[in-house]
Amino acid sequence: MNQSADTANLVKRGFTRTLFRWIHIVFSIPILGYIYSPFDKIPQYAAPTRYVFVPVMILSGLWMWKGHVVRRLFSKRPAGASASYSVL
C-alpha cells in the first residue's frame, strides 16, 4: 500500500472516530433531559428516549469500543495474513 493510501486511511479513521464521538455526545443530551425533566413531562420523552436515543448511544459506544473487531471481520484480508510480521 502506498503512502497516500495510508494517509487517506488515517484521515478516514480519524474522521470516523470524531463523528462517532459527536453522535455519542449529542444523543446523550436528550437522555439527560429525560432524567432531569419534571415528572409530568417524562411520558412525552419516554418513547424517543427508549427507541432512538439509547440504542444510538449504545451502538456508537460499542463501535468506539470494539469497532476495530468489526472492521477486521469485514476486511478483505485473509484471517492468517498479518501486516506486522512475516512467517519464516
C-alpha atoms as a PDB file:
ATOM      1  CA  MET A   1       0.000   0.000   0.000  1.00  0.00           C
ATOM      2  CA  ASN A   2       1.430   3.369  -0.899  1.00  0.00           C
ATOM      3  CA  GLN A   3       1.861   6.286   1.490  1.00  0.00           C
ATOM      4  CA  SER A   4      -1.020   8.378   0.140  1.00  0.00           C
ATOM      5  CA  ALA A   5      -3.460   5.487   0.678  1.00  0.00           C
ATOM      6  CA  ASP A   6      -2.166   5.073   4.249  1.00  0.00           C
ATOM      7  CA  THR A   7      -2.624   8.787   4.884  1.00  0.00           C
ATOM      8  CA  ALA A   8      -6.144   8.731   3.439  1.00  0.00           C
ATOM      9  CA  ASN A   9      -6.975   5.720   5.614  1.00  0.00           C
ATOM     10  CA  LEU A  10      -5.728   7.509   8.741  1.00  0.00           C
ATOM     11  CA  VAL A  11      -7.756  10.607   7.891  1.00  0.00           C
ATOM     12  CA  LYS A  12     -10.831   8.457   7.308  1.00  0.00           C
ATOM     13  CA  ARG A  13     -10.349   6.670  10.643  1.00  0.00           C
ATOM     14  CA  GLY A  14      -9.837   9.959  12.467  1.00  0.00           C
ATOM     15  CA  PHE A  15     -12.950  11.450  10.914  1.00  0.00           C
ATOM     16  CA  THR A  16     -14.972   8.334  11.749  1.00  0.00           C
ATOM     17  CA  ARG A  17     -13.770   8.413  15.350  1.00  0.00           C
ATOM     18  CA  THR A  18     -14.670  12.101  15.687  1.00  0.00           C
ATOM     19  CA  LEU A  19     -18.062  11.535  14.075  1.00  0.00           C
ATOM     20  CA  PHE A  20     -18.951   8.707  16.463  1.00  0.00           C
ATOM     21  CA  ARG A  21     -17.800  10.739  19.461  1.00  0.00           C
ATOM     22  CA  TRP A  22     -20.064  13.627  18.479  1.00  0.00           C
ATOM     23  CA  ILE A  23     -23.005  11.313  17.798  1.00  0.00           C
ATOM     24  CA  HIS A  24     -22.488   9.813  21.248  1.00  0.00           C
ATOM     25  CA  ILE A  25     -22.354  13.246  22.911  1.00  0.00           C
ATOM     26  CA  VAL A  26     -25.299  14.736  21.008  1.00  0.00           C
ATOM     27  CA  PHE A  27     -27.572  11.754  21.640  1.00  0.00           C
ATOM     28  CA  SER A  28     -26.743  11.812  25.358  1.00  0.00           C
ATOM     29  CA  ILE A  29     -28.171  15.321  25.791  1.00  0.00           C
ATOM     30  CA  PRO A  30     -31.853  14.259  25.396  1.00  0.00           C
ATOM     31  CA  ILE A  31     -31.260  11.427  27.857  1.00  0.00           C
ATOM     32  CA  LEU A  32     -30.059  13.933  30.440  1.00  0.00           C
ATOM     33  CA  GLY A  33     -33.177  15.985  29.723  1.00  0.00           C
ATOM     34  CA  TYR A  34     -35.277  12.870  30.263  1.00  0.00           C
ATOM     35  CA  ILE A  35     -33.612  12.159  33.596  1.00  0.00           C
ATOM     36  CA  TYR A  36     -33.821  15.702  34.950  1.00  0.00           C
ATOM     37  CA  SER A  37     -37.161  16.767  33.457  1.00  0.00           C
ATOM     38  CA  PRO A  38     -40.242  17.292  35.644  1.00  0.00           C
ATOM     39  CA  PHE A  39     -42.128  14.102  36.410  1.00  0.00           C
ATOM     40  CA  ASP A  40     -45.229  15.119  34.420  1.00  0.00           C
ATOM     41  CA  LYS A  41     -43.164  15.554  31.222  1.00  0.00           C
ATOM     42  CA  ILE A  42     -41.485  12.117  31.348  1.00  0.00           C
ATOM     43  CA  PRO A  43     -44.171  10.266  29.305  1.00  0.00           C
ATOM     44  CA  GLN A  44     -43.552  12.660  26.385  1.00  0.00           C
ATOM     45  CA  TYR A  45     -39.856  11.757  26.310  1.00  0.00           C
ATOM     46  CA  ALA A  46     -40.157   8.044  27.087  1.00  0.00           C
ATOM     47  CA  ALA A  47     -40.659   6.603  23.592  1.00  0.00           C
ATOM     48  CA  PRO A  48     -37.977   8.628  21.767  1.00  0.00           C
ATOM     49  CA  THR A  49     -35.534   8.001  24.592  1.00  0.00           C
ATOM     50  CA  ARG A  50     -36.166   4.256  24.645  1.00  0.00           C
ATOM     51  CA  TYR A  51     -36.298   3.618  20.929  1.00  0.00           C
ATOM     52  CA  VAL A  52     -33.966   6.245  19.424  1.00  0.00           C
ATOM     53  CA  PHE A  53     -31.522   7.915  21.814  1.00  0.00           C
ATOM     54  CA  VAL A  54     -30.465   4.968  23.993  1.00  0.00           C
ATOM     55  CA  PRO A  55     -29.967   2.498  21.098  1.00  0.00           C
ATOM     56  CA  VAL A  56     -27.941   5.050  19.111  1.00  0.00           C
ATOM     57  CA  MET A  57     -25.800   5.768  22.169  1.00  0.00           C
ATOM     58  CA  ILE A  58     -25.260   2.054  22.797  1.00  0.00           C
ATOM     59  CA  LEU A  59     -24.327   1.340  19.170  1.00  0.00           C
ATOM     60  CA  SER A  60     -21.990   4.322  18.894  1.00  0.00           C
ATOM     61  CA  GLY A  61     -20.347   3.408  22.201  1.00  0.00           C
ATOM     62  CA  LEU A  62     -19.881  -0.196  21.124  1.00  0.00           C
ATOM     63  CA  TRP A  63     -18.462   0.950  17.800  1.00  0.00           C
ATOM     64  CA  MET A  64     -15.968   3.232  19.547  1.00  0.00           C
ATOM     65  CA  TRP A  65     -15.036   0.398  21.894  1.00  0.00           C
ATOM     66  CA  LYS A  66     -14.973  -2.639  19.578  1.00  0.00           C
ATOM     67  CA  GLY A  67     -15.200  -1.181  16.078  1.00  0.00           C
ATOM     68  CA  HIS A  68     -11.751  -2.464  15.208  1.00  0.00           C
ATOM     69  CA  VAL A  69     -13.004  -6.045  15.688  1.00  0.00           C
ATOM     70  CA  VAL A  70     -15.973  -5.455  13.380  1.00  0.00           C
ATOM     71  CA  ARG A  71     -13.721  -3.876  10.751  1.00  0.00           C
ATOM     72  CA  ARG A  72     -11.396  -6.875  10.979  1.00  0.00           C
ATOM     73  CA  LEU A  73     -14.315  -9.276  10.461  1.00  0.00           C
ATOM     74  CA  PHE A  74     -15.381  -7.478   7.284  1.00  0.00           C
ATOM     75  CA  SER A  75     -11.908  -6.779   5.892  1.00  0.00           C
ATOM     76  CA  LYS A  76     -10.862  -8.307   2.591  1.00  0.00           C
ATOM     77  CA  ARG A  77      -7.576  -9.560   4.003  1.00  0.00           C
ATOM     78  CA  PRO A  78      -7.394 -13.295   4.805  1.00  0.00           C
ATOM     79  CA  ALA A  79      -7.507 -14.237   8.505  1.00  0.00           C
ATOM     80  CA  GLY A  80      -3.951 -15.586   8.572  1.00  0.00           C
ATOM     81  CA  ALA A  81      -2.388 -12.538   6.918  1.00  0.00           C
ATOM     82  CA  SER A  82      -0.686 -10.022   9.135  1.00  0.00           C
ATOM     83  CA  ALA A  83       0.998  -6.800   8.141  1.00  0.00           C
ATOM     84  CA  SER A  84       3.163  -6.590  11.251  1.00  0.00           C
ATOM     85  CA  TYR A  85       5.429  -9.631  10.683  1.00  0.00           C
ATOM     86  CA  SER A  86       6.104 -12.388   8.182  1.00  0.00           C
ATOM     87  CA  VAL A  87       6.353 -16.115   8.794  1.00  0.00           C
ATOM     88  CA  LEU A  88       9.817 -17.534   8.030  1.00  0.00           C
END
